[in-house]
Protein backbone atom coordinates (compact mmCIF):
# COMPACT_ATOMS: atom_id res chain seq x y z
CA UNK A 1 -0.25 0.29 -0.12
CA UNK A 2 0.94 3.48 -1.00
CA UNK A 3 2.32 5.92 2.04
CA UNK A 4 0.90 9.50 0.50
CA UNK A 5 2.72 11.63 3.39
CA UNK A 6 5.85 12.13 4.62
CA UNK A 7 7.36 13.51 7.80
CA UNK A 8 11.08 14.45 8.49
CA UNK A 9 12.00 14.90 11.92
CA UNK A 10 15.43 16.81 12.73
CA UNK A 11 17.24 17.83 15.96
CA UNK A 12 14.89 17.61 19.15
CA UNK A 13 11.94 15.85 17.00
CA UNK A 14 12.85 12.37 17.09
CA UNK A 15 9.01 10.83 17.13
CA UNK A 16 5.82 11.77 16.50
CA UNK A 17 3.68 11.09 19.93
CA UNK A 18 0.33 11.05 18.42
CA UNK A 19 1.46 8.11 15.77
CA UNK A 20 -0.15 4.88 16.32
CA UNK A 21 -0.13 1.41 14.37
CA UNK A 22 3.40 1.60 14.06
CA UNK A 23 5.97 -0.57 12.24
CA UNK A 24 9.67 0.02 11.06
CA UNK A 25 10.54 -0.63 7.64
CA UNK A 26 13.91 -0.58 6.46
CA UNK A 27 14.30 -0.05 2.64
CA UNK A 28 17.30 -0.29 0.55
CA UNK A 29 18.30 2.54 -2.40
CA UNK A 30 20.34 2.55 -5.21
CA UNK A 31 21.97 5.33 -2.98
CA UNK A 32 22.50 3.21 0.13
CA UNK A 33 20.62 3.03 3.38
CA UNK A 34 18.51 5.98 4.36
CA UNK A 35 19.45 7.65 7.97
CA UNK A 36 17.34 5.01 9.73
CA UNK A 37 14.26 2.94 9.44
CA UNK A 38 10.97 4.66 8.59
CA UNK A 39 8.50 4.28 11.04
CA UNK A 40 5.12 3.84 9.26
CA UNK A 41 1.89 4.69 11.41
CA UNK A 42 -1.18 6.66 11.40
CA UNK A 43 -1.46 10.33 12.13
CA UNK A 44 -5.07 12.05 12.08
CA UNK A 45 -6.64 8.85 10.20
CA UNK A 46 -3.58 9.38 7.53
CA UNK A 47 -0.76 6.50 6.67
CA UNK A 48 2.19 8.02 6.86
CA UNK A 49 6.38 7.83 6.98
CA UNK A 50 8.71 9.18 9.94
CA UNK A 51 12.08 9.61 9.16
CA UNK A 52 14.53 10.64 11.90
CA UNK A 53 17.04 12.81 9.74
CA UNK A 54 20.03 12.27 11.79
CA UNK A 55 19.28 8.58 12.78
CA UNK A 56 18.43 6.72 16.10
CA UNK A 57 20.03 8.54 18.71
CA UNK A 58 21.36 11.88 16.48
CA UNK A 59 24.17 9.89 15.23
CA UNK A 60 24.96 11.68 11.68
CA UNK A 61 26.37 15.10 11.24
CA UNK A 62 24.50 17.31 8.25
CA UNK A 63 27.22 16.44 6.01
CA UNK A 64 27.30 13.17 6.84
CA UNK A 65 23.49 12.60 5.77
CA UNK A 66 22.28 10.49 2.99
CA UNK A 67 20.25 13.00 1.35
CA UNK A 68 19.40 10.70 -1.74
CA UNK A 69 19.10 7.62 0.14
CA UNK A 70 16.23 9.49 2.30
CA UNK A 71 14.09 11.06 -0.51
CA UNK A 72 14.03 8.39 -2.48
CA UNK A 73 13.15 6.40 0.53
CA UNK A 74 9.96 8.62 0.77
CA UNK A 75 9.80 8.11 -3.32
CA UNK A 76 10.04 4.02 -2.97
CA UNK A 77 7.25 3.75 -0.40
CA UNK A 78 4.61 6.47 -2.50
CA UNK A 79 4.91 9.87 -0.94
CA UNK A 80 3.97 12.85 -2.52
CA UNK A 81 4.29 15.23 0.56
CA UNK A 82 7.06 15.93 2.97
CA UNK A 83 6.94 18.21 5.75
CA UNK A 84 9.90 18.44 7.51
CA UNK A 85 10.67 20.35 10.85
CA UNK A 86 14.31 21.45 11.59
CA UNK A 87 16.16 23.59 14.18
CA UNK A 88 17.30 27.03 12.77
CA UNK A 89 19.27 30.01 14.32
CA UNK A 90 17.63 33.81 13.52
CA UNK A 91 18.85 36.09 11.65
CA UNK A 92 16.56 39.11 12.45
CA UNK A 93 15.60 40.35 15.69
CA UNK A 94 11.55 40.24 15.15
CA UNK A 95 12.49 35.89 14.92
CA UNK A 96 12.71 35.30 18.14
CA UNK A 97 13.87 31.44 19.91
CA UNK A 98 10.59 29.48 19.85
CA UNK A 99 8.76 31.59 16.92
CA UNK A 100 8.38 29.15 14.01
CA UNK A 101 9.39 30.41 10.44
CA UNK A 102 7.81 28.87 7.15
CA UNK A 103 10.69 29.85 4.79
CA UNK A 104 10.04 30.48 0.46
CA UNK A 105 13.22 30.82 -0.32
CA UNK A 106 16.87 29.56 0.05
CA UNK A 107 20.76 30.85 -0.02
CA UNK A 108 23.34 27.70 -0.63
CA UNK A 109 26.64 27.92 1.71
CA UNK A 110 27.44 24.36 1.36
CA UNK A 111 30.46 22.95 0.03
CA UNK A 112 30.53 18.86 -0.03
CA UNK A 113 27.48 17.54 -0.94
CA UNK A 114 25.43 15.91 -3.28
CA UNK A 115 22.21 17.83 -4.54
CA UNK A 116 20.81 15.34 -7.67
CA UNK A 117 19.75 12.07 -8.15
CA UNK A 118 21.00 12.47 -11.72
CA UNK A 119 24.15 12.25 -13.66
CA UNK A 120 26.22 9.31 -14.72
CA UNK A 121 25.24 9.59 -18.30
CA UNK A 122 21.30 11.13 -17.64
CA UNK A 123 21.21 15.34 -17.44
CA UNK A 124 18.26 16.88 -15.87
CA UNK A 125 17.75 20.18 -15.05
CA UNK A 126 14.36 21.18 -12.86
CA UNK A 127 12.96 24.51 -12.29
CA UNK A 128 13.64 25.55 -8.39
CA UNK A 129 13.02 29.47 -8.84
CA UNK A 130 10.41 28.50 -5.68
CA UNK A 131 12.17 25.97 -3.89
CA UNK A 132 9.24 25.08 -1.34
CA UNK A 133 5.65 24.04 -2.13
CA UNK A 134 3.65 26.90 -2.37
CA UNK A 135 0.52 24.52 -1.25
CA UNK A 136 1.79 22.81 0.99
CA UNK A 137 3.53 25.21 2.78
CA UNK A 138 0.44 27.87 2.83
CA UNK A 139 -1.71 24.83 4.30
CA UNK A 140 1.23 24.54 7.04
CA UNK A 141 1.59 28.48 7.75
CA UNK A 142 -2.09 28.41 8.27
CA UNK A 143 -1.97 25.34 10.56
CA UNK A 144 0.41 27.09 12.75
CA UNK A 145 -1.45 29.61 13.07
CA UNK A 146 -4.46 27.56 14.24
CA UNK A 147 -2.18 25.76 17.01
CA UNK A 148 -1.39 29.21 18.37
CA UNK A 149 2.29 29.61 17.35
CA UNK A 150 4.46 33.15 16.33
CA UNK A 151 4.80 31.91 12.95
CA UNK A 152 6.19 34.05 10.04
CA UNK A 153 5.10 33.43 6.50
CA UNK A 154 7.93 33.17 4.13
CA UNK A 155 11.79 34.25 4.65
CA UNK A 156 15.14 33.60 3.16
CA UNK A 157 17.09 30.02 4.85
CA UNK A 158 20.47 30.16 4.57
CA UNK A 159 21.75 26.36 4.37
CA UNK A 160 25.48 26.27 5.38
CA UNK A 161 27.83 23.06 5.61
CA UNK A 162 28.43 22.89 9.73
CA UNK A 163 29.30 21.29 11.47
CA UNK A 164 30.38 24.40 13.39
CA UNK A 165 28.24 27.20 13.99
CA UNK A 166 28.62 30.45 12.04
CA UNK A 167 31.42 32.88 12.68
CA UNK A 168 30.26 36.59 13.59
CA UNK A 169 31.64 37.77 10.35
CA UNK A 170 29.39 34.94 8.46
CA UNK A 171 26.56 35.94 10.56
CA UNK A 172 26.67 39.50 10.17
CA UNK A 173 27.00 39.39 6.43
CA UNK A 174 24.04 37.08 6.06
CA UNK A 175 22.10 40.05 8.03
CA UNK A 176 23.53 42.86 5.52
CA UNK A 177 22.01 40.32 2.68
CA UNK A 178 18.78 40.34 4.30
CA UNK A 179 18.53 36.86 4.85
CA UNK A 180 16.38 35.73 7.84
CA UNK A 181 17.39 32.36 9.23
CA UNK A 182 20.48 29.77 8.87
CA UNK A 183 20.53 25.89 9.22
CA UNK A 184 22.44 23.22 7.92
CA UNK A 185 20.16 20.46 6.24
CA UNK A 186 16.89 21.59 4.67
CA UNK A 187 18.22 22.88 1.02
CA UNK A 188 19.38 19.17 -0.21
CA UNK A 189 15.93 17.72 0.78
CA UNK A 190 14.44 20.42 -1.02
CA UNK A 191 16.27 20.00 -4.22
CA UNK A 192 15.93 16.08 -4.24
CA UNK A 193 12.08 16.26 -3.18
CA UNK A 194 11.90 18.95 -6.51
CA UNK A 195 13.65 16.04 -8.82
CA UNK A 196 11.33 13.21 -7.44
CA UNK A 197 8.04 15.33 -7.79
CA UNK A 198 7.52 15.31 -4.50
CA UNK A 199 5.62 18.33 -2.48
CA UNK A 200 8.08 19.67 -0.10
CA UNK A 201 7.83 22.37 2.81
CA UNK A 202 9.56 23.16 6.13
CA UNK A 203 8.45 23.88 10.29
CA UNK A 204 11.72 25.58 11.33
CA UNK A 205 12.04 25.97 14.33
CA UNK A 206 13.95 28.83 16.01
CA UNK A 207 16.52 28.20 18.76
CA UNK A 208 18.62 31.14 18.79
CA UNK A 209 19.73 34.25 17.51
CA UNK A 210 22.94 32.62 15.88
CA UNK A 211 25.98 34.79 17.24
CA UNK A 212 25.31 38.17 15.60
CA UNK A 213 23.15 39.00 18.50
CA UNK A 214 25.19 40.50 21.87
CA UNK A 215 22.96 38.83 23.98
CA UNK A 216 23.84 36.00 22.31
CA UNK A 217 27.06 35.24 20.95
CA UNK A 218 27.91 31.81 22.40
CA UNK A 219 25.44 29.28 20.57
CA UNK A 220 25.32 26.11 22.57
CA UNK A 221 24.20 23.03 21.96
CA UNK A 222 22.38 22.95 25.51
CA UNK A 223 20.99 25.95 24.34
CA UNK A 224 19.35 24.72 21.28
CA UNK A 225 18.02 21.40 22.46
CA UNK A 226 16.34 23.44 25.32
CA UNK A 227 14.48 25.45 23.25
CA UNK A 228 13.76 22.85 20.85
CA UNK A 229 12.08 20.29 23.43
CA UNK A 230 10.25 23.22 24.51
CA UNK A 231 8.84 24.03 20.85
CA UNK A 232 8.44 20.08 20.30
CA UNK A 233 4.87 19.83 21.04
CA UNK A 234 4.26 22.84 19.40
CA UNK A 235 5.71 21.54 16.49
CA UNK A 236 3.92 18.29 16.23
CA UNK A 237 0.57 20.07 17.00
CA UNK A 238 1.30 21.95 13.55
CA UNK A 239 2.29 19.03 11.51
CA UNK A 240 -0.69 17.02 13.06
CA UNK A 241 -2.71 19.82 11.70
CA UNK A 242 -1.25 19.68 8.39
CA UNK A 243 -1.40 15.86 7.84
CA UNK A 244 -5.26 16.07 8.50
CA UNK A 245 -5.76 18.65 5.73
CA UNK A 246 -3.66 16.54 3.35
CA UNK A 247 -4.32 15.30 0.16
CA UNK A 248 -5.01 18.61 -2.18
CA UNK A 249 -4.85 18.56 -5.74
CA UNK A 250 -1.28 18.70 -6.73
CA UNK A 251 -1.18 21.67 -9.46
CA UNK A 252 1.79 22.71 -7.86
CA UNK A 253 4.90 22.58 -10.29
CA UNK A 254 6.53 19.67 -7.96
CA UNK A 255 3.93 17.21 -9.00
CA UNK A 256 5.11 17.13 -12.91
CA UNK A 257 8.80 18.98 -12.48
CA UNK A 258 10.27 16.37 -14.88
CA UNK A 259 8.00 16.69 -17.54
CA UNK A 260 10.02 19.29 -19.29
CA UNK A 261 13.53 18.65 -17.06
CA UNK A 262 14.98 16.00 -18.65
CA UNK A 263 17.40 17.25 -21.72
CA UNK A 264 19.18 13.62 -22.40
CA UNK A 265 17.78 11.91 -25.45
CA UNK A 266 15.80 8.77 -24.39
CA UNK A 267 17.90 6.53 -26.39
CA UNK A 268 21.26 8.12 -25.09
CA UNK A 269 20.57 7.23 -21.29
CA UNK A 270 22.38 4.01 -20.15
CA UNK A 271 19.96 1.06 -19.43
CA UNK A 272 21.05 0.72 -15.91
CA UNK A 273 20.18 4.06 -15.13
CA UNK A 274 16.81 3.93 -16.72
CA UNK A 275 16.41 0.80 -14.58
CA UNK A 276 17.70 2.41 -11.36
CA UNK A 277 15.48 5.60 -11.62
CA UNK A 278 12.77 4.33 -12.45
CA UNK A 279 10.55 5.51 -9.61
CA UNK A 280 11.72 9.21 -10.85
CA UNK A 281 11.71 8.86 -14.63
CA UNK A 282 9.41 5.84 -15.18
CA UNK A 283 6.19 7.85 -15.92
CA UNK A 284 8.60 10.01 -18.96
CA UNK A 285 11.27 7.53 -20.11
CA UNK A 286 10.68 3.76 -20.97
């Protein structure tokens, strides 16, 4: 049976308390193993798959994450919607710790990550001007409002390499550019979800003011986790409300992202790549 909804839990959100009828499912992908077994269950009457982004016990650094295996695993399960939760630092005074942000843009500061399923004889260029699903993001923002969260609609998420936090010079530069929040994980997920024709949005959980704020110039793991744990209940409530509102008619660009993106002639694509990537390209390439 297809599982239409995926949840990615980040730092501090390692489970969904309301999830019932649970089973663990290990999935092999052409790109290796995902971060952890997928937890399949029921939430608000909907079947979904939950994945702990950093693995059981938070053992994987952002740079170590097998983003391709994680998103391909969701695709193999039949997922069409992914809601991710992530810890972020704030680059603006008005985005306070414990606030939520539903970003609508990314700025890439990563250096050592694979961000595509393609290559090896298959060239694909998907549109990415609007990197988060507008329809899923709108529902997520409304769910956060209904839950009573202090939530901000839109904003640019700077995705940095890590695992170190920013220098003061970097933090001030990002602020001078007008960027809003900073994290270490979501950009690659969004790129790969688009290539997999999956709707993707982020619930960004503000934990700190990065290091630009004079009263918060030392970001610590203890500070991040304390605020995340405080916000975890709200994040789970918001995600549950979004899940209850699904599915919707996928008129967004996510649903057909590959339709006009495959540039390699079908006869030139290696047969092993066609077989390996059939879950992604099978509706367009035989």
